[in-house]
Amino acid sequence: GAVVAAVCVAVVVLRWHYPTDALGGVCVGV
């Protein structure tokens, strides 16, 4: 959970994705 959360934060900090894009990725992957 910590690793997934950190990657979510990373893609937002890099401005690759919106936070909801990252949450969508969590839902699809899991």
PDB file of all heavy atoms in Angstrom:
ATOM      1  N   GLY A   1       0.816  -1.213   0.000  1.00  0.00           N
ATOM      2  CA  GLY A   1       0.000   0.000   0.000  1.00  0.00           C
ATOM      3  C   GLY A   1       0.846   1.258   0.000  1.00  0.00           C
ATOM      4  O   GLY A   1       0.532   2.229  -0.701  1.00  0.00           O
ATOM      5  N   ALA A   2       1.929   1.227   0.765  1.00  0.00           N
ATOM      6  CA  ALA A   2       2.822   2.392   0.825  1.00  0.00           C
ATOM      7  C   ALA A   2       3.504   2.635  -0.517  1.00  0.00           C
ATOM      8  O   ALA A   2       3.631   3.783  -0.967  1.00  0.00           O
ATOM      9  CB  ALA A   2       3.866   2.186   1.926  1.00  0.00           C
ATOM     10  N   VAL A   3       3.944   1.560  -1.158  1.00  0.00           N
ATOM     11  CA  VAL A   3       4.613   1.700  -2.466  1.00  0.00           C
ATOM     12  C   VAL A   3       3.630   2.242  -3.505  1.00  0.00           C
ATOM     13  O   VAL A   3       3.955   3.160  -4.268  1.00  0.00           O
ATOM     14  CB  VAL A   3       5.215   0.356  -2.927  1.00  0.00           C
ATOM     15  CG1 VAL A   3       5.683   0.425  -4.377  1.00  0.00           C
ATOM     16  CG2 VAL A   3       6.370  -0.043  -2.022  1.00  0.00           C
ATOM     17  N   VAL A   4       2.430   1.680  -3.541  1.00  0.00           N
ATOM     18  CA  VAL A   4       1.429   2.148  -4.506  1.00  0.00           C
ATOM     19  C   VAL A   4       1.086   3.616  -4.258  1.00  0.00           C
ATOM     20  O   VAL A   4       1.019   4.417  -5.193  1.00  0.00           O
ATOM     21  CB  VAL A   4       0.167   1.258  -4.455  1.00  0.00           C
ATOM     22  CG1 VAL A   4      -0.969   1.877  -5.258  1.00  0.00           C
ATOM     23  CG2 VAL A   4       0.478  -0.145  -4.970  1.00  0.00           C
ATOM     24  N   ALA A   5       0.899   3.992  -2.998  1.00  0.00           N
ATOM     25  CA  ALA A   5       0.599   5.388  -2.669  1.00  0.00           C
ATOM     26  C   ALA A   5       1.743   6.306  -3.087  1.00  0.00           C
ATOM     27  O   ALA A   5       1.516   7.402  -3.630  1.00  0.00           O
ATOM     28  CB  ALA A   5       0.325   5.524  -1.170  1.00  0.00           C
ATOM     29  N   ALA A   6       2.981   5.861  -2.865  1.00  0.00           N
ATOM     30  CA  ALA A   6       4.144   6.678  -3.240  1.00  0.00           C
ATOM     31  C   ALA A   6       4.228   6.860  -4.750  1.00  0.00           C
ATOM     32  O   ALA A   6       4.557   7.957  -5.233  1.00  0.00           O
ATOM     33  CB  ALA A   6       5.421   6.027  -2.709  1.00  0.00           C
ATOM     34  N   VAL A   7       3.912   5.820  -5.503  1.00  0.00           N
ATOM     35  CA  VAL A   7       3.929   5.938  -6.968  1.00  0.00           C
ATOM     36  C   VAL A   7       2.808   6.870  -7.426  1.00  0.00           C
ATOM     37  O   VAL A   7       2.998   7.664  -8.354  1.00  0.00           O
ATOM     38  CB  VAL A   7       3.833   4.544  -7.635  1.00  0.00           C
ATOM     39  CG1 VAL A   7       3.664   4.675  -9.147  1.00  0.00           C
ATOM     40  CG2 VAL A   7       5.076   3.715  -7.317  1.00  0.00           C
ATOM     41  N   CYS A   8       1.651   6.792  -6.779  1.00  0.00           N
ATOM     42  CA  CYS A   8       0.557   7.724  -7.099  1.00  0.00           C
ATOM     43  C   CYS A   8       1.015   9.170  -6.899  1.00  0.00           C
ATOM     44  O   CYS A   8       0.780  10.033  -7.756  1.00  0.00           O
ATOM     45  CB  CYS A   8      -0.664   7.442  -6.219  1.00  0.00           C
ATOM     46  SG  CYS A   8      -1.564   5.941  -6.631  1.00  0.00           S
ATOM     47  N   VAL A   9       1.666   9.437  -5.779  1.00  0.00           N
ATOM     48  CA  VAL A   9       2.174  10.779  -5.507  1.00  0.00           C
ATOM     49  C   VAL A   9       3.225  11.167  -6.542  1.00  0.00           C
ATOM     50  O   VAL A   9       3.240  12.299  -7.054  1.00  0.00           O
ATOM     51  CB  VAL A   9       2.750  10.870  -4.078  1.00  0.00           C
ATOM     52  CG1 VAL A   9       3.486  12.190  -3.871  1.00  0.00           C
ATOM     53  CG2 VAL A   9       1.642  10.701  -3.039  1.00  0.00           C
ATOM     54  N   ALA A  10       4.090  10.230  -6.909  1.00  0.00           N
ATOM     55  CA  ALA A  10       5.166  10.524  -7.870  1.00  0.00           C
ATOM     56  C   ALA A  10       4.616  10.967  -9.222  1.00  0.00           C
ATOM     57  O   ALA A  10       5.083  11.962  -9.787  1.00  0.00           O
ATOM     58  CB  ALA A  10       6.061   9.295  -8.037  1.00  0.00           C
ATOM     59  N   VAL A  11       3.607  10.261  -9.745  1.00  0.00           N
ATOM     60  CA  VAL A  11       3.084  10.636 -11.068  1.00  0.00           C
ATOM     61  C   VAL A  11       2.336  11.969 -11.020  1.00  0.00           C
ATOM     62  O   VAL A  11       2.256  12.666 -12.037  1.00  0.00           O
ATOM     63  CB  VAL A  11       2.216   9.519 -11.696  1.00  0.00           C
ATOM     64  CG1 VAL A  11       3.031   8.253 -11.915  1.00  0.00           C
ATOM     65  CG2 VAL A  11       0.957   9.236 -10.896  1.00  0.00           C
ATOM     66  N   VAL A  12       1.824  12.323  -9.849  1.00  0.00           N
ATOM     67  CA  VAL A  12       1.173  13.633  -9.698  1.00  0.00           C
ATOM     68  C   VAL A  12       2.230  14.732  -9.597  1.00  0.00           C
ATOM     69  O   VAL A  12       2.119  15.783 -10.243  1.00  0.00           O
ATOM     70  CB  VAL A  12       0.231  13.645  -8.475  1.00  0.00           C
ATOM     71  CG1 VAL A  12      -0.282  15.056  -8.191  1.00  0.00           C
ATOM     72  CG2 VAL A  12      -0.938  12.690  -8.686  1.00  0.00           C
ATOM     73  N   VAL A  13       3.270  14.491  -8.811  1.00  0.00           N
ATOM     74  CA  VAL A  13       4.358  15.472  -8.668  1.00  0.00           C
ATOM     75  C   VAL A  13       5.031  15.736 -10.017  1.00  0.00           C
ATOM     76  O   VAL A  13       5.371  16.869 -10.350  1.00  0.00           O
ATOM     77  CB  VAL A  13       5.389  14.968  -7.632  1.00  0.00           C
ATOM     78  CG1 VAL A  13       6.682  15.751  -7.702  1.00  0.00           C
ATOM     79  CG2 VAL A  13       4.804  15.068  -6.232  1.00  0.00           C
ATOM     80  N   LEU A  14       5.190  14.686 -10.817  1.00  0.00           N
ATOM     81  CA  LEU A  14       5.811  14.833 -12.136  1.00  0.00           C
ATOM     82  C   LEU A  14       4.857  15.448 -13.155  1.00  0.00           C
ATOM     83  O   LEU A  14       5.256  15.756 -14.273  1.00  0.00           O
ATOM     84  CB  LEU A  14       6.287  13.467 -12.649  1.00  0.00           C
ATOM     85  CG  LEU A  14       7.437  12.827 -11.879  1.00  0.00           C
ATOM     86  CD1 LEU A  14       7.635  11.381 -12.308  1.00  0.00           C
ATOM     87  CD2 LEU A  14       8.727  13.626 -12.056  1.00  0.00           C
ATOM     88  N   ARG A  15       3.586  15.606 -12.746  1.00  0.00           N
ATOM     89  CA  ARG A  15       2.530  16.150 -13.600  1.00  0.00           C
ATOM     90  C   ARG A  15       2.302  15.295 -14.846  1.00  0.00           C
ATOM     91  O   ARG A  15       1.991  15.808 -15.914  1.00  0.00           O
ATOM     92  CB  ARG A  15       2.806  17.607 -13.969  1.00  0.00           C
ATOM     93  CG  ARG A  15       2.751  18.579 -12.796  1.00  0.00           C
ATOM     94  CD  ARG A  15       1.415  18.478 -12.047  1.00  0.00           C
ATOM     95  NE  ARG A  15       1.209  19.518 -11.064  1.00  0.00           N
ATOM     96  CZ  ARG A  15       1.241  19.321  -9.742  1.00  0.00           C
ATOM     97  NH1 ARG A  15       1.505  18.127  -9.240  1.00  0.00           N
ATOM     98  NH2 ARG A  15       0.998  20.318  -8.909  1.00  0.00           N
ATOM     99  N   TRP A  16       2.436  13.977 -14.667  1.00  0.00           N
ATOM    100  CA  TRP A  16       2.046  13.043 -15.719  1.00  0.00           C
ATOM    101  C   TRP A  16       0.551  12.808 -15.670  1.00  0.00           C
ATOM    102  O   TRP A  16      -0.068  12.507 -16.675  1.00  0.00           O
ATOM    103  CB  TRP A  16       2.746  11.701 -15.538  1.00  0.00           C
ATOM    104  CG  TRP A  16       4.221  11.716 -15.720  1.00  0.00           C
ATOM    105  CD1 TRP A  16       5.021  12.771 -16.051  1.00  0.00           C
ATOM    106  CD2 TRP A  16       5.095  10.592 -15.570  1.00  0.00           C
ATOM    107  NE1 TRP A  16       6.336  12.370 -16.105  1.00  0.00           N
ATOM    108  CE2 TRP A  16       6.409  11.041 -15.816  1.00  0.00           C
ATOM    109  CE3 TRP A  16       4.899   9.257 -15.237  1.00  0.00           C
ATOM    110  CZ2 TRP A  16       7.511  10.198 -15.767  1.00  0.00           C
ATOM    111  CZ3 TRP A  16       5.993   8.414 -15.178  1.00  0.00           C
ATOM    112  CH2 TRP A  16       7.291   8.876 -15.443  1.00  0.00           C
ATOM    113  N   HIS A  17      -0.005  12.885 -14.452  1.00  0.00           N
ATOM    114  CA  HIS A  17      -1.409  12.526 -14.235  1.00  0.00           C
ATOM    115  C   HIS A  17      -2.059  13.406 -13.193  1.00  0.00           C
ATOM    116  O   HIS A  17      -1.391  13.945 -12.311  1.00  0.00           O
ATOM    117  CB  HIS A  17      -1.518  11.073 -13.750  1.00  0.00           C
ATOM    118  CG  HIS A  17      -1.076  10.063 -14.754  1.00  0.00           C
ATOM    119  ND1 HIS A  17      -1.836   9.732 -15.852  1.00  0.00           N
ATOM    120  CD2 HIS A  17       0.049   9.307 -14.831  1.00  0.00           C
ATOM    121  CE1 HIS A  17      -1.190   8.814 -16.565  1.00  0.00           C
ATOM    122  NE2 HIS A  17      -0.049   8.555 -15.977  1.00  0.00           N
ATOM    123  N   TYR A  18      -3.388  13.483 -13.281  1.00  0.00           N
ATOM    124  CA  TYR A  18      -4.188  14.028 -12.200  1.00  0.00           C
ATOM    125  C   TYR A  18      -4.299  12.963 -11.110  1.00  0.00           C
ATOM    126  O   TYR A  18      -4.155  11.764 -11.389  1.00  0.00           O
ATOM    127  CB  TYR A  18      -5.602  14.380 -12.690  1.00  0.00           C
ATOM    128  CG  TYR A  18      -5.667  15.522 -13.659  1.00  0.00           C
ATOM    129  CD1 TYR A  18      -6.091  15.319 -14.972  1.00  0.00           C
ATOM    130  CD2 TYR A  18      -5.335  16.807 -13.256  1.00  0.00           C
ATOM    131  CE1 TYR A  18      -6.169  16.367 -15.868  1.00  0.00           C
ATOM    132  CE2 TYR A  18      -5.412  17.874 -14.153  1.00  0.00           C
ATOM    133  CZ  TYR A  18      -5.824  17.636 -15.458  1.00  0.00           C
ATOM    134  OH  TYR A  18      -5.885  18.688 -16.332  1.00  0.00           O
ATOM    135  N   PRO A  19      -4.579  13.373  -9.881  1.00  0.00           N
ATOM    136  CA  PRO A  19      -4.765  12.376  -8.818  1.00  0.00           C
ATOM    137  C   PRO A  19      -5.836  11.326  -9.143  1.00  0.00           C
ATOM    138  O   PRO A  19      -5.676  10.147  -8.827  1.00  0.00           O
ATOM    139  CB  PRO A  19      -5.162  13.219  -7.607  1.00  0.00           C
ATOM    140  CG  PRO A  19      -4.465  14.519  -7.837  1.00  0.00           C
ATOM    141  CD  PRO A  19      -4.563  14.736  -9.322  1.00  0.00           C
ATOM    142  N   THR A  20      -6.924  11.727  -9.806  1.00  0.00           N
ATOM    143  CA  THR A  20      -7.959  10.741 -10.151  1.00  0.00           C
ATOM    144  C   THR A  20      -7.481   9.761 -11.219  1.00  0.00           C
ATOM    145  O   THR A  20      -7.969   8.626 -11.275  1.00  0.00           O
ATOM    146  CB  THR A  20      -9.259  11.437 -10.603  1.00  0.00           C
ATOM    147  OG1 THR A  20      -8.951  12.429 -11.578  1.00  0.00           O
ATOM    148  CG2 THR A  20      -9.981  12.065  -9.421  1.00  0.00           C
ATOM    149  N   ASP A  21      -6.524  10.157 -12.050  1.00  0.00           N
ATOM    150  CA  ASP A  21      -5.926   9.212 -13.003  1.00  0.00           C
ATOM    151  C   ASP A  21      -5.163   8.123 -12.249  1.00  0.00           C
ATOM    152  O   ASP A  21      -5.226   6.942 -12.598  1.00  0.00           O
ATOM    153  CB  ASP A  21      -4.942   9.924 -13.940  1.00  0.00           C
ATOM    154  CG  ASP A  21      -5.590  11.001 -14.789  1.00  0.00           C
ATOM    155  OD1 ASP A  21      -6.799  10.907 -15.059  1.00  0.00           O
ATOM    156  OD2 ASP A  21      -4.864  11.928 -15.184  1.00  0.00           O
ATOM    157  N   ALA A  22      -4.449   8.555 -11.207  1.00  0.00           N
ATOM    158  CA  ALA A  22      -3.687   7.597 -10.394  1.00  0.00           C
ATOM    159  C   ALA A  22      -4.631   6.657  -9.653  1.00  0.00           C
ATOM    160  O   ALA A  22      -4.409   5.441  -9.616  1.00  0.00           O
ATOM    161  CB  ALA A  22      -2.785   8.343  -9.413  1.00  0.00           C
ATOM    162  N   LEU A  23      -5.708   7.195  -9.084  1.00  0.00           N
ATOM    163  CA  LEU A  23      -6.686   6.351  -8.388  1.00  0.00           C
ATOM    164  C   LEU A  23      -7.338   5.366  -9.350  1.00  0.00           C
ATOM    165  O   LEU A  23      -7.583   4.201  -9.000  1.00  0.00           O
ATOM    166  CB  LEU A  23      -7.743   7.216  -7.708  1.00  0.00           C
ATOM    167  CG  LEU A  23      -7.260   8.070  -6.544  1.00  0.00           C
ATOM    168  CD1 LEU A  23      -8.368   8.997  -6.057  1.00  0.00           C
ATOM    169  CD2 LEU A  23      -6.754   7.191  -5.406  1.00  0.00           C
ATOM    170  N   GLY A  24      -7.608   5.811 -10.564  1.00  0.00           N
ATOM    171  CA  GLY A  24      -8.143   4.904 -11.586  1.00  0.00           C
ATOM    172  C   GLY A  24      -7.180   3.774 -11.887  1.00  0.00           C
ATOM    173  O   GLY A  24      -7.585   2.618 -12.068  1.00  0.00           O
ATOM    174  N   GLY A  25      -5.885   4.082 -11.923  1.00  0.00           N
ATOM    175  CA  GLY A  25      -4.874   3.051 -12.148  1.00  0.00           C
ATOM    176  C   GLY A  25      -4.848   2.024 -11.032  1.00  0.00           C
ATOM    177  O   GLY A  25      -4.686   0.824 -11.283  1.00  0.00           O
ATOM    178  N   VAL A  26      -5.022   2.476  -9.790  1.00  0.00           N
ATOM    179  CA  VAL A  26      -5.085   1.551  -8.650  1.00  0.00           C
ATOM    180  C   VAL A  26      -6.270   0.608  -8.823  1.00  0.00           C
ATOM    181  O   VAL A  26      -6.145  -0.612  -8.670  1.00  0.00           O
ATOM    182  CB  VAL A  26      -5.192   2.311  -7.309  1.00  0.00           C
ATOM    183  CG1 VAL A  26      -5.435   1.339  -6.165  1.00  0.00           C
ATOM    184  CG2 VAL A  26      -3.934   3.133  -7.051  1.00  0.00           C
ATOM    185  N   CYS A  27      -7.421   1.171  -9.162  1.00  0.00           N
ATOM    186  CA  CYS A  27      -8.631   0.348  -9.320  1.00  0.00           C
ATOM    187  C   CYS A  27      -8.468  -0.677 -10.433  1.00  0.00           C
ATOM    188  O   CYS A  27      -8.854  -1.840 -10.273  1.00  0.00           O
ATOM    189  CB  CYS A  27      -9.836   1.232  -9.605  1.00  0.00           C
ATOM    190  SG  CYS A  27     -10.365   2.221  -8.198  1.00  0.00           S
ATOM    191  N   VAL A  28      -7.884  -0.278 -11.546  1.00  0.00           N
ATOM    192  CA  VAL A  28      -7.720  -1.206 -12.671  1.00  0.00           C
ATOM    193  C   VAL A  28      -6.688  -2.281 -12.339  1.00  0.00           C
ATOM    194  O   VAL A  28      -6.925  -3.474 -12.575  1.00  0.00           O
ATOM    195  CB  VAL A  28      -7.321  -0.459 -13.965  1.00  0.00           C
ATOM    196  CG1 VAL A  28      -6.988  -1.443 -15.078  1.00  0.00           C
ATOM    197  CG2 VAL A  28      -8.440   0.471 -14.409  1.00  0.00           C
ATOM    198  N   GLY A  29      -5.538  -1.877 -11.788  1.00  0.00           N
ATOM    199  CA  GLY A  29      -4.487  -2.853 -11.489  1.00  0.00           C
ATOM    200  C   GLY A  29      -4.906  -3.883 -10.461  1.00  0.00           C
ATOM    201  O   GLY A  29      -4.815  -5.093 -10.686  1.00  0.00           O
ATOM    202  N   VAL A  30      -5.400  -3.417  -9.321  1.00  0.00           N
ATOM    203  CA  VAL A  30      -5.832  -4.330  -8.259  1.00  0.00           C
ATOM    204  C   VAL A  30      -7.071  -5.097  -8.705  1.00  0.00           C
ATOM    205  O   VAL A  30      -7.176  -6.310  -8.506  1.00  0.00           O
ATOM    206  CB  VAL A  30      -6.106  -3.555  -6.947  1.00  0.00           C
ATOM    207  CG1 VAL A  30      -6.687  -4.479  -5.885  1.00  0.00           C
ATOM    208  CG2 VAL A  30      -4.824  -2.904  -6.437  1.00  0.00           C
TER     209      VAL A  30
END
